[in-house]
N, C-alpha and C. Protein backbone atom coordinates (compact mmCIF):
# COMPACT_ATOMS: atom_id res chain seq x y z
N GLN A 1 -2.68 19.33 -6.45
CA GLN A 1 -3.67 18.49 -5.82
C GLN A 1 -3.02 17.21 -5.32
N VAL A 2 -3.74 16.50 -4.47
CA VAL A 2 -3.22 15.26 -3.89
C VAL A 2 -3.03 14.23 -4.99
N GLN A 3 -1.85 13.61 -4.99
CA GLN A 3 -1.56 12.58 -5.99
C GLN A 3 -0.80 11.43 -5.34
N PHE A 4 -1.10 10.24 -5.84
CA PHE A 4 -0.40 9.02 -5.44
C PHE A 4 0.02 8.29 -6.72
N VAL A 5 1.28 7.92 -6.80
CA VAL A 5 1.77 7.18 -7.95
C VAL A 5 2.41 5.89 -7.45
N GLU A 6 1.71 4.79 -7.68
CA GLU A 6 2.17 3.48 -7.23
C GLU A 6 2.97 2.79 -8.34
N SER A 7 3.96 2.02 -7.95
CA SER A 7 4.75 1.27 -8.91
C SER A 7 5.37 0.06 -8.21
N GLY A 8 5.96 -0.82 -9.01
CA GLY A 8 6.68 -1.97 -8.46
C GLY A 8 5.97 -3.30 -8.58
N GLY A 9 4.74 -3.28 -9.08
CA GLY A 9 4.02 -4.53 -9.24
C GLY A 9 4.58 -5.36 -10.38
N GLY A 10 4.02 -6.54 -10.54
CA GLY A 10 4.45 -7.41 -11.63
C GLY A 10 3.96 -8.83 -11.42
N LEU A 11 4.49 -9.71 -12.26
CA LEU A 11 4.16 -11.13 -12.19
C LEU A 11 5.26 -11.84 -11.41
N VAL A 12 4.87 -12.59 -10.41
CA VAL A 12 5.85 -13.29 -9.57
C VAL A 12 5.32 -14.68 -9.23
N GLN A 13 6.22 -15.61 -9.07
CA GLN A 13 5.83 -16.97 -8.70
C GLN A 13 5.49 -17.04 -7.22
N PRO A 14 4.66 -18.00 -6.82
CA PRO A 14 4.39 -18.18 -5.39
C PRO A 14 5.69 -18.34 -4.61
N GLY A 15 5.74 -17.67 -3.47
CA GLY A 15 6.95 -17.67 -2.66
C GLY A 15 7.90 -16.53 -2.97
N GLY A 16 7.62 -15.82 -4.04
CA GLY A 16 8.48 -14.72 -4.44
C GLY A 16 8.22 -13.43 -3.67
N SER A 17 8.95 -12.40 -4.06
CA SER A 17 8.87 -11.11 -3.35
C SER A 17 8.76 -9.96 -4.35
N LEU A 18 8.14 -8.90 -3.88
CA LEU A 18 8.07 -7.64 -4.63
C LEU A 18 8.15 -6.49 -3.64
N ARG A 19 8.60 -5.35 -4.12
CA ARG A 19 8.60 -4.14 -3.31
C ARG A 19 7.85 -3.05 -4.06
N LEU A 20 6.74 -2.61 -3.48
CA LEU A 20 5.93 -1.56 -4.08
C LEU A 20 6.36 -0.20 -3.54
N SER A 21 6.24 0.81 -4.39
CA SER A 21 6.53 2.18 -3.98
C SER A 21 5.31 3.06 -4.24
N CYS A 22 5.17 4.09 -3.42
CA CYS A 22 4.08 5.05 -3.58
C CYS A 22 4.66 6.43 -3.40
N VAL A 23 4.81 7.13 -4.51
CA VAL A 23 5.31 8.50 -4.47
C VAL A 23 4.12 9.44 -4.35
N THR A 24 4.20 10.38 -3.42
CA THR A 24 3.06 11.25 -3.15
C THR A 24 3.39 12.72 -3.42
N SER A 25 2.36 13.52 -3.61
CA SER A 25 2.50 14.96 -3.75
C SER A 25 1.17 15.62 -3.43
N GLY A 26 1.23 16.92 -3.19
CA GLY A 26 0.01 17.69 -2.99
C GLY A 26 -0.49 17.79 -1.57
N PHE A 27 0.22 17.21 -0.61
CA PHE A 27 -0.15 17.35 0.79
C PHE A 27 1.12 17.23 1.64
N VAL A 28 1.00 17.61 2.90
CA VAL A 28 2.16 17.56 3.79
C VAL A 28 2.32 16.14 4.30
N PHE A 29 3.20 15.42 3.64
CA PHE A 29 3.34 13.97 3.85
C PHE A 29 3.53 13.60 5.31
N ILE A 30 4.37 14.32 6.00
CA ILE A 30 4.73 13.95 7.37
C ILE A 30 3.54 14.13 8.33
N ASN A 31 2.52 14.83 7.91
CA ASN A 31 1.36 15.05 8.79
C ASN A 31 0.35 13.91 8.79
N TYR A 32 0.54 12.94 7.91
CA TYR A 32 -0.45 11.88 7.76
C TYR A 32 0.16 10.50 7.85
N GLY A 33 -0.59 9.59 8.46
CA GLY A 33 -0.26 8.20 8.30
C GLY A 33 -0.48 7.81 6.85
N MET A 34 0.03 6.67 6.49
CA MET A 34 -0.14 6.17 5.12
C MET A 34 -0.65 4.74 5.16
N SER A 35 -1.42 4.38 4.14
CA SER A 35 -2.01 3.05 4.07
C SER A 35 -1.78 2.45 2.70
N TRP A 36 -1.71 1.14 2.66
CA TRP A 36 -1.78 0.38 1.42
C TRP A 36 -3.09 -0.41 1.43
N TYR A 37 -3.74 -0.40 0.28
CA TYR A 37 -4.96 -1.17 0.07
C TYR A 37 -4.75 -2.08 -1.14
N ARG A 38 -5.61 -3.05 -1.28
CA ARG A 38 -5.61 -3.87 -2.50
C ARG A 38 -7.03 -4.23 -2.88
N GLN A 39 -7.21 -4.46 -4.16
CA GLN A 39 -8.52 -4.87 -4.66
C GLN A 39 -8.34 -5.95 -5.71
N ALA A 40 -8.91 -7.09 -5.42
CA ALA A 40 -8.90 -8.20 -6.36
C ALA A 40 -10.16 -8.14 -7.21
N PRO A 41 -10.12 -8.73 -8.41
CA PRO A 41 -11.31 -8.71 -9.27
C PRO A 41 -12.55 -9.25 -8.56
N GLY A 42 -13.62 -8.51 -8.62
CA GLY A 42 -14.87 -8.95 -8.02
C GLY A 42 -14.94 -8.80 -6.51
N LYS A 43 -13.93 -8.20 -5.93
CA LYS A 43 -13.92 -8.04 -4.47
C LYS A 43 -13.81 -6.56 -4.12
N GLU A 44 -14.17 -6.26 -2.88
CA GLU A 44 -14.05 -4.90 -2.40
C GLU A 44 -12.59 -4.59 -2.06
N ARG A 45 -12.29 -3.31 -2.09
CA ARG A 45 -10.95 -2.89 -1.71
C ARG A 45 -10.75 -3.16 -0.22
N GLU A 46 -9.59 -3.69 0.14
CA GLU A 46 -9.33 -4.01 1.53
C GLU A 46 -8.04 -3.34 1.99
N LEU A 47 -8.02 -3.00 3.27
CA LEU A 47 -6.83 -2.42 3.86
C LEU A 47 -5.79 -3.51 4.10
N VAL A 48 -4.57 -3.26 3.65
CA VAL A 48 -3.50 -4.24 3.80
C VAL A 48 -2.55 -3.86 4.94
N ALA A 49 -2.16 -2.59 4.97
CA ALA A 49 -1.17 -2.16 5.96
C ALA A 49 -1.30 -0.66 6.18
N ARG A 50 -0.86 -0.25 7.35
CA ARG A 50 -0.91 1.17 7.69
C ARG A 50 0.30 1.51 8.56
N VAL A 51 0.83 2.70 8.38
CA VAL A 51 1.95 3.15 9.19
C VAL A 51 1.66 4.57 9.68
N ASN A 52 2.12 4.89 10.87
CA ASN A 52 1.87 6.21 11.41
C ASN A 52 2.83 7.23 10.80
N THR A 53 2.75 8.47 11.27
CA THR A 53 3.49 9.55 10.61
C THR A 53 5.00 9.39 10.67
N VAL A 54 5.50 8.83 11.77
CA VAL A 54 6.96 8.71 11.90
C VAL A 54 7.46 7.31 11.58
N GLY A 55 6.55 6.42 11.28
CA GLY A 55 6.95 5.10 10.80
C GLY A 55 7.26 4.07 11.86
N ASN A 56 6.93 4.35 13.11
CA ASN A 56 7.28 3.38 14.16
C ASN A 56 6.08 2.60 14.68
N ARG A 57 4.93 2.83 14.11
CA ARG A 57 3.75 2.08 14.51
C ARG A 57 3.05 1.59 13.25
N LYS A 58 2.90 0.28 13.16
CA LYS A 58 2.36 -0.32 11.93
C LYS A 58 1.27 -1.32 12.27
N THR A 59 0.30 -1.40 11.42
CA THR A 59 -0.72 -2.43 11.54
C THR A 59 -0.87 -3.13 10.20
N TYR A 60 -1.23 -4.41 10.28
CA TYR A 60 -1.35 -5.23 9.07
C TYR A 60 -2.63 -6.05 9.12
N ALA A 61 -3.16 -6.32 7.94
CA ALA A 61 -4.24 -7.28 7.85
C ALA A 61 -3.72 -8.65 8.27
N ASP A 62 -4.58 -9.43 8.88
CA ASP A 62 -4.16 -10.76 9.34
C ASP A 62 -3.60 -11.59 8.19
N SER A 63 -4.14 -11.40 7.01
CA SER A 63 -3.75 -12.23 5.87
C SER A 63 -2.31 -11.96 5.41
N VAL A 64 -1.74 -10.83 5.81
CA VAL A 64 -0.38 -10.50 5.35
C VAL A 64 0.62 -10.39 6.48
N LYS A 65 0.17 -10.51 7.71
CA LYS A 65 1.07 -10.39 8.87
C LYS A 65 2.20 -11.39 8.77
N GLY A 66 3.40 -10.91 9.03
CA GLY A 66 4.57 -11.77 8.98
C GLY A 66 5.17 -11.92 7.60
N ARG A 67 4.45 -11.43 6.58
CA ARG A 67 4.95 -11.53 5.20
C ARG A 67 5.20 -10.16 4.56
N PHE A 68 4.38 -9.18 4.91
CA PHE A 68 4.49 -7.84 4.32
C PHE A 68 5.07 -6.88 5.35
N ILE A 69 5.84 -5.93 4.87
CA ILE A 69 6.41 -4.88 5.73
C ILE A 69 6.18 -3.53 5.07
N MET A 70 5.52 -2.64 5.81
CA MET A 70 5.30 -1.30 5.28
C MET A 70 6.28 -0.33 5.92
N THR A 71 6.86 0.53 5.10
CA THR A 71 7.77 1.56 5.60
C THR A 71 7.46 2.88 4.89
N ARG A 72 8.10 3.94 5.34
CA ARG A 72 7.92 5.23 4.70
C ARG A 72 9.22 6.01 4.80
N ASP A 73 9.43 6.88 3.82
CA ASP A 73 10.58 7.79 3.81
C ASP A 73 10.01 9.20 3.74
N ASN A 74 10.01 9.89 4.87
CA ASN A 74 9.39 11.21 4.91
C ASN A 74 10.16 12.23 4.07
N GLY A 75 11.45 12.04 3.93
CA GLY A 75 12.22 12.94 3.09
C GLY A 75 11.85 12.83 1.62
N LYS A 76 11.50 11.62 1.20
CA LYS A 76 11.14 11.39 -0.20
C LYS A 76 9.63 11.41 -0.42
N LYS A 77 8.86 11.59 0.66
CA LYS A 77 7.38 11.60 0.56
C LYS A 77 6.90 10.32 -0.12
N THR A 78 7.47 9.22 0.28
CA THR A 78 7.20 7.95 -0.37
C THR A 78 6.92 6.87 0.67
N ALA A 79 5.95 6.03 0.36
CA ALA A 79 5.65 4.86 1.18
C ALA A 79 6.01 3.60 0.40
N TYR A 80 6.34 2.56 1.12
CA TYR A 80 6.77 1.31 0.50
C TYR A 80 6.00 0.14 1.10
N LEU A 81 5.89 -0.92 0.32
CA LEU A 81 5.33 -2.16 0.83
C LEU A 81 6.20 -3.29 0.31
N GLU A 82 6.94 -3.88 1.23
CA GLU A 82 7.75 -5.05 0.89
C GLU A 82 6.89 -6.28 1.11
N MET A 83 6.76 -7.07 0.06
CA MET A 83 5.89 -8.24 0.11
C MET A 83 6.73 -9.50 -0.11
N ASN A 84 6.71 -10.37 0.86
CA ASN A 84 7.48 -11.61 0.81
C ASN A 84 6.56 -12.83 0.84
N ASN A 85 7.09 -13.95 0.41
CA ASN A 85 6.33 -15.20 0.39
C ASN A 85 4.94 -14.97 -0.22
N LEU A 86 4.94 -14.36 -1.38
CA LEU A 86 3.67 -14.04 -2.03
C LEU A 86 2.92 -15.31 -2.41
N GLN A 87 1.61 -15.23 -2.30
CA GLN A 87 0.73 -16.35 -2.61
C GLN A 87 -0.31 -15.93 -3.64
N PRO A 88 -0.90 -16.87 -4.35
CA PRO A 88 -1.89 -16.51 -5.37
C PRO A 88 -3.01 -15.61 -4.84
N GLU A 89 -3.37 -15.78 -3.59
CA GLU A 89 -4.44 -14.94 -3.03
C GLU A 89 -4.01 -13.49 -2.80
N ASP A 90 -2.74 -13.20 -2.99
CA ASP A 90 -2.26 -11.81 -2.92
C ASP A 90 -2.45 -11.08 -4.26
N THR A 91 -2.86 -11.80 -5.28
CA THR A 91 -3.09 -11.19 -6.58
C THR A 91 -4.17 -10.13 -6.48
N ALA A 92 -3.82 -8.91 -6.86
CA ALA A 92 -4.74 -7.77 -6.76
C ALA A 92 -4.04 -6.54 -7.32
N LYS A 93 -4.82 -5.48 -7.44
CA LYS A 93 -4.21 -4.18 -7.73
C LYS A 93 -4.01 -3.49 -6.38
N TYR A 94 -2.82 -2.95 -6.19
CA TYR A 94 -2.46 -2.34 -4.92
C TYR A 94 -2.44 -0.82 -5.04
N TYR A 95 -3.01 -0.18 -4.04
CA TYR A 95 -3.13 1.28 -4.01
C TYR A 95 -2.62 1.80 -2.67
N CYS A 96 -2.12 3.02 -2.69
CA CYS A 96 -1.78 3.67 -1.43
C CYS A 96 -2.67 4.90 -1.26
N ASN A 97 -2.76 5.36 -0.05
CA ASN A 97 -3.50 6.58 0.25
C ASN A 97 -3.05 7.08 1.61
N LEU A 98 -3.36 8.33 1.89
CA LEU A 98 -3.07 8.85 3.21
C LEU A 98 -4.11 8.35 4.20
N PHE A 99 -3.78 8.40 5.48
CA PHE A 99 -4.69 8.01 6.54
C PHE A 99 -5.09 9.26 7.32
N ASP A 100 -6.37 9.59 7.25
CA ASP A 100 -6.88 10.75 7.97
C ASP A 100 -8.15 10.33 8.70
N PRO A 101 -8.05 10.06 10.00
CA PRO A 101 -9.23 9.60 10.74
C PRO A 101 -10.34 10.65 10.82
N ALA A 102 -10.04 11.88 10.46
CA ALA A 102 -11.07 12.92 10.47
C ALA A 102 -12.02 12.80 9.29
N ARG A 103 -11.65 12.02 8.30
CA ARG A 103 -12.49 11.85 7.11
C ARG A 103 -13.32 10.58 7.25
N VAL A 104 -14.49 10.58 6.68
CA VAL A 104 -15.39 9.44 6.78
C VAL A 104 -14.74 8.17 6.22
N THR A 105 -14.03 8.32 5.12
CA THR A 105 -13.39 7.17 4.48
C THR A 105 -11.99 6.92 5.01
N ASN A 106 -11.49 7.79 5.88
CA ASN A 106 -10.11 7.73 6.38
C ASN A 106 -9.06 7.97 5.30
N THR A 107 -9.49 8.30 4.08
CA THR A 107 -8.56 8.49 2.98
C THR A 107 -8.86 9.79 2.25
N ALA A 108 -7.92 10.19 1.40
CA ALA A 108 -8.20 11.27 0.47
C ALA A 108 -9.19 10.77 -0.57
N ALA A 109 -9.91 11.69 -1.18
CA ALA A 109 -10.87 11.31 -2.22
C ALA A 109 -10.16 10.81 -3.46
N THR A 110 -8.96 11.29 -3.67
CA THR A 110 -8.18 10.91 -4.85
C THR A 110 -7.49 9.58 -4.65
N TRP A 111 -7.48 8.78 -5.71
CA TRP A 111 -6.72 7.53 -5.72
C TRP A 111 -5.79 7.52 -6.92
N GLY A 112 -4.68 6.83 -6.78
CA GLY A 112 -3.78 6.66 -7.91
C GLY A 112 -4.27 5.57 -8.84
N GLN A 113 -3.43 5.25 -9.81
CA GLN A 113 -3.81 4.22 -10.79
C GLN A 113 -3.57 2.82 -10.26
N GLY A 114 -2.86 2.72 -9.17
CA GLY A 114 -2.55 1.41 -8.59
C GLY A 114 -1.44 0.70 -9.34
N THR A 115 -0.99 -0.40 -8.77
CA THR A 115 0.02 -1.23 -9.42
C THR A 115 -0.42 -2.69 -9.29
N GLN A 116 -0.40 -3.40 -10.40
CA GLN A 116 -0.95 -4.75 -10.45
C GLN A 116 0.08 -5.77 -9.97
N VAL A 117 -0.35 -6.63 -9.08
CA VAL A 117 0.46 -7.75 -8.60
C VAL A 117 -0.24 -9.04 -9.00
N ILE A 118 0.48 -9.90 -9.70
CA ILE A 118 -0.05 -11.20 -10.09
C ILE A 118 0.89 -12.28 -9.57
N VAL A 119 0.34 -13.17 -8.78
CA VAL A 119 1.14 -14.26 -8.21
C VAL A 119 0.65 -15.55 -8.85
N SER A 120 1.50 -16.13 -9.67
CA SER A 120 1.09 -17.31 -10.42
C SER A 120 2.32 -18.09 -10.85
N SER A 121 2.15 -19.41 -10.90
CA SER A 121 3.23 -20.25 -11.39
C SER A 121 3.06 -20.52 -12.89
């Protein structure tokens, strides 16, 4: 079945950096775009970044543009999110999912456990 395993989160000071990884299985990775989402306590899950199937077209939320970089390795079926100049408002649990515009939610029904990012001094 479709699975996403996120890792790489942690506690970092403002201005610091982290690199998140998302290992996938259960679907043909190269056939789908990939997305990163985040959810802060008490807030709805929001789309952070998206990359197309071959990795040459990317979109970012305005709040992370210029600071976050999303990439993918089709050979490893893995997506990455490099996060730089982290700020306290980036504190959230981060999730990845496939991008399928044919689905109402644009995502698979399955979600991983996410990886927690805390930005604090």
